Every structure is written in structure tokens, then in C-alpha cells.
Amino acid sequence: MSGKYHPLTAALSAASARGQQDVELDFDAIANLVAGLPSSADLRQWWANTDHPQARAWHAAGYRVQQVSGYA
């Protein structure tokens, strides 16, 4: 996988290789990995386990979003 979300895939793949079943990342950490999040990331739907590029990034590492916190 290449593109904007490749660093996220790489970070999650490294966590998987260490045996981590769950990974918690805050919005800032993800934004730093991928050089910024789009404004649509403010919407819960952006984090859905769909076929969008960001979701393919965590799926490629073997993860799924289970919970998103931080929305008003």
C-alpha cells in the first residue's frame, strides 16, 4: 500500500508484529503520521470500516476501528 495513509499502515503493522491486538491512537498522533487529517475526519462516519483509503490503511494492517472518542 502506498499513498497518504501508508505511514498509518506501517505503524499499525509494526504494532501487530509486536503482538498488539488493540492500538489506541489519538487524532493528533494519526494526523502526524499522515501529514494531516481532512476536515471530514471530524465526522464519525470518516472512521467507519469501509472501503475508503483511510479504512484500507488499517484493514491492510489487520485492524478495524472499534471505538472513536473525542466528538462533542
N, C-alpha and C. Protein backbone atom coordinates (compact mmCIF):
# COMPACT_ATOMS: atom_id res chain seq x y z
N MET A 1 0.85 -1.18 0.00
CA MET A 1 0.00 0.00 0.00
C MET A 1 0.88 1.23 0.00
N SER A 2 0.52 2.19 -0.82
CA SER A 2 1.24 3.45 -0.87
C SER A 2 0.25 4.58 -0.70
N GLY A 3 0.76 5.77 -0.66
CA GLY A 3 -0.12 6.93 -0.57
C GLY A 3 -0.11 7.55 0.80
N LYS A 4 -1.00 8.50 0.97
CA LYS A 4 -1.08 9.31 2.18
C LYS A 4 -1.17 8.48 3.45
N TYR A 5 -1.91 7.39 3.43
CA TYR A 5 -2.16 6.63 4.65
C TYR A 5 -1.18 5.47 4.87
N HIS A 6 -0.19 5.35 4.00
CA HIS A 6 0.81 4.30 4.17
C HIS A 6 1.52 4.36 5.53
N PRO A 7 1.88 5.55 6.03
CA PRO A 7 2.53 5.58 7.35
C PRO A 7 1.64 5.02 8.46
N LEU A 8 0.34 5.19 8.34
CA LEU A 8 -0.58 4.62 9.32
C LEU A 8 -0.55 3.10 9.23
N THR A 9 -0.59 2.57 8.01
CA THR A 9 -0.49 1.13 7.82
C THR A 9 0.81 0.60 8.41
N ALA A 10 1.91 1.30 8.15
CA ALA A 10 3.21 0.87 8.66
C ALA A 10 3.24 0.86 10.18
N ALA A 11 2.71 1.90 10.81
CA ALA A 11 2.70 1.96 12.27
C ALA A 11 1.83 0.85 12.86
N LEU A 12 0.68 0.62 12.25
CA LEU A 12 -0.20 -0.45 12.75
C LEU A 12 0.38 -1.83 12.47
N SER A 13 1.04 -2.00 11.35
CA SER A 13 1.69 -3.28 11.05
C SER A 13 2.79 -3.57 12.06
N ALA A 14 3.53 -2.54 12.46
CA ALA A 14 4.56 -2.71 13.48
C ALA A 14 3.95 -3.11 14.82
N ALA A 15 2.82 -2.52 15.15
CA ALA A 15 2.12 -2.88 16.39
C ALA A 15 1.65 -4.33 16.33
N SER A 16 1.15 -4.73 15.19
CA SER A 16 0.71 -6.11 15.01
C SER A 16 1.89 -7.08 15.15
N ALA A 17 3.02 -6.70 14.58
CA ALA A 17 4.22 -7.55 14.66
C ALA A 17 4.69 -7.71 16.10
N ARG A 18 4.40 -6.71 16.94
CA ARG A 18 4.74 -6.79 18.37
C ARG A 18 3.69 -7.57 19.16
N GLY A 19 2.64 -8.01 18.47
CA GLY A 19 1.60 -8.80 19.13
C GLY A 19 0.48 -7.98 19.73
N GLN A 20 0.41 -6.70 19.41
CA GLN A 20 -0.65 -5.86 19.94
C GLN A 20 -1.96 -6.16 19.23
N GLN A 21 -2.95 -6.56 20.00
CA GLN A 21 -4.26 -6.81 19.41
C GLN A 21 -5.07 -5.53 19.31
N ASP A 22 -4.86 -4.61 20.24
CA ASP A 22 -5.56 -3.34 20.26
C ASP A 22 -4.54 -2.21 20.23
N VAL A 23 -4.85 -1.16 19.50
CA VAL A 23 -3.99 0.01 19.41
C VAL A 23 -4.86 1.24 19.63
N GLU A 24 -4.43 2.11 20.53
CA GLU A 24 -5.12 3.38 20.74
C GLU A 24 -4.24 4.50 20.22
N LEU A 25 -4.79 5.29 19.32
CA LEU A 25 -4.10 6.46 18.78
C LEU A 25 -5.04 7.65 18.88
N ASP A 26 -4.51 8.78 19.33
CA ASP A 26 -5.37 9.96 19.34
C ASP A 26 -5.32 10.63 17.97
N PHE A 27 -6.22 11.58 17.77
CA PHE A 27 -6.32 12.23 16.46
C PHE A 27 -5.01 12.89 16.07
N ASP A 28 -4.33 13.53 17.03
CA ASP A 28 -3.07 14.20 16.72
C ASP A 28 -2.01 13.21 16.27
N ALA A 29 -1.94 12.05 16.91
CA ALA A 29 -0.95 11.05 16.52
C ALA A 29 -1.19 10.57 15.09
N ILE A 30 -2.44 10.34 14.76
CA ILE A 30 -2.76 9.90 13.39
C ILE A 30 -2.47 11.02 12.40
N ALA A 31 -2.85 12.24 12.76
CA ALA A 31 -2.59 13.39 11.87
C ALA A 31 -1.10 13.55 11.63
N ASN A 32 -0.29 13.35 12.66
CA ASN A 32 1.16 13.45 12.49
C ASN A 32 1.69 12.35 11.58
N LEU A 33 1.16 11.16 11.67
CA LEU A 33 1.60 10.06 10.82
C LEU A 33 1.30 10.31 9.35
N VAL A 34 0.14 10.90 9.07
CA VAL A 34 -0.32 11.02 7.69
C VAL A 34 -0.25 12.45 7.15
N ALA A 35 0.48 13.30 7.83
CA ALA A 35 0.64 14.70 7.40
C ALA A 35 -0.69 15.44 7.34
N GLY A 36 -1.52 15.21 8.36
CA GLY A 36 -2.78 15.93 8.48
C GLY A 36 -3.99 15.12 8.08
N LEU A 37 -5.06 15.36 8.80
CA LEU A 37 -6.34 14.71 8.50
C LEU A 37 -7.26 15.71 7.80
N PRO A 38 -8.12 15.23 6.93
CA PRO A 38 -9.06 16.13 6.27
C PRO A 38 -10.13 16.60 7.26
N SER A 39 -10.81 17.67 6.94
CA SER A 39 -11.86 18.17 7.83
C SER A 39 -12.97 17.14 8.03
N SER A 40 -13.16 16.26 7.07
CA SER A 40 -14.19 15.22 7.21
C SER A 40 -13.87 14.23 8.31
N ALA A 41 -12.63 14.20 8.81
CA ALA A 41 -12.28 13.31 9.92
C ALA A 41 -12.96 13.75 11.20
N ASP A 42 -13.57 14.94 11.19
CA ASP A 42 -14.35 15.40 12.34
C ASP A 42 -15.69 14.68 12.45
N LEU A 43 -16.03 13.93 11.42
CA LEU A 43 -17.30 13.20 11.40
C LEU A 43 -17.06 11.73 11.75
N ARG A 44 -17.90 11.18 12.57
CA ARG A 44 -17.76 9.78 12.99
C ARG A 44 -17.71 8.84 11.79
N GLN A 45 -18.45 9.15 10.74
CA GLN A 45 -18.51 8.28 9.56
C GLN A 45 -17.15 8.11 8.90
N TRP A 46 -16.27 9.09 9.02
CA TRP A 46 -14.96 9.01 8.38
C TRP A 46 -14.18 7.81 8.91
N TRP A 47 -14.44 7.44 10.14
CA TRP A 47 -13.72 6.36 10.81
C TRP A 47 -14.37 5.00 10.61
N ALA A 48 -15.41 4.93 9.82
CA ALA A 48 -16.11 3.67 9.58
C ALA A 48 -15.19 2.69 8.84
N ASN A 49 -15.43 1.44 9.06
CA ASN A 49 -14.65 0.36 8.42
C ASN A 49 -15.21 0.09 7.03
N THR A 50 -14.97 1.03 6.14
CA THR A 50 -15.50 0.97 4.77
C THR A 50 -14.36 0.65 3.81
N ASP A 51 -14.59 0.97 2.54
CA ASP A 51 -13.55 0.75 1.53
C ASP A 51 -12.89 2.08 1.13
N HIS A 52 -12.94 3.07 2.00
CA HIS A 52 -12.26 4.34 1.74
C HIS A 52 -10.77 4.18 2.03
N PRO A 53 -9.94 5.06 1.46
CA PRO A 53 -8.48 4.91 1.62
C PRO A 53 -8.01 4.80 3.06
N GLN A 54 -8.56 5.62 3.95
CA GLN A 54 -8.12 5.55 5.34
C GLN A 54 -8.48 4.21 5.97
N ALA A 55 -9.65 3.68 5.66
CA ALA A 55 -10.05 2.39 6.21
C ALA A 55 -9.21 1.26 5.63
N ARG A 56 -8.87 1.36 4.36
CA ARG A 56 -7.99 0.35 3.76
C ARG A 56 -6.64 0.33 4.46
N ALA A 57 -6.21 1.48 4.97
CA ALA A 57 -4.93 1.56 5.68
C ALA A 57 -4.94 0.71 6.93
N TRP A 58 -5.98 0.81 7.75
CA TRP A 58 -5.99 -0.01 8.97
C TRP A 58 -6.38 -1.44 8.66
N HIS A 59 -7.18 -1.67 7.65
CA HIS A 59 -7.51 -3.05 7.26
C HIS A 59 -6.26 -3.79 6.78
N ALA A 60 -5.39 -3.09 6.02
CA ALA A 60 -4.18 -3.71 5.48
C ALA A 60 -3.26 -4.20 6.60
N ALA A 61 -3.35 -3.57 7.76
CA ALA A 61 -2.54 -3.97 8.91
C ALA A 61 -3.27 -4.98 9.78
N GLY A 62 -4.49 -5.32 9.41
CA GLY A 62 -5.25 -6.31 10.16
C GLY A 62 -6.08 -5.75 11.30
N TYR A 63 -6.37 -4.46 11.25
CA TYR A 63 -7.14 -3.82 12.32
C TYR A 63 -8.46 -3.29 11.80
N ARG A 64 -9.37 -3.05 12.74
CA ARG A 64 -10.65 -2.41 12.48
C ARG A 64 -10.87 -1.38 13.58
N VAL A 65 -11.51 -0.29 13.22
CA VAL A 65 -11.86 0.71 14.23
C VAL A 65 -13.00 0.15 15.07
N GLN A 66 -12.80 0.15 16.38
CA GLN A 66 -13.84 -0.33 17.28
C GLN A 66 -14.53 0.80 18.03
N GLN A 67 -13.75 1.87 18.31
CA GLN A 67 -14.30 2.98 19.08
C GLN A 67 -13.60 4.26 18.68
N VAL A 68 -14.36 5.33 18.59
CA VAL A 68 -13.80 6.65 18.33
C VAL A 68 -14.31 7.56 19.43
N SER A 69 -13.39 8.19 20.13
CA SER A 69 -13.75 9.10 21.22
C SER A 69 -13.28 10.50 20.87
N GLY A 70 -13.94 11.48 21.42
CA GLY A 70 -13.47 12.84 21.26
C GLY A 70 -14.42 13.74 20.48
N TYR A 71 -15.58 13.25 20.16
CA TYR A 71 -16.55 14.07 19.46
C TYR A 71 -17.48 14.72 20.46
N ALA A 72 -17.82 15.97 20.21
CA ALA A 72 -18.71 16.70 21.11
C ALA A 72 -20.14 16.22 20.95
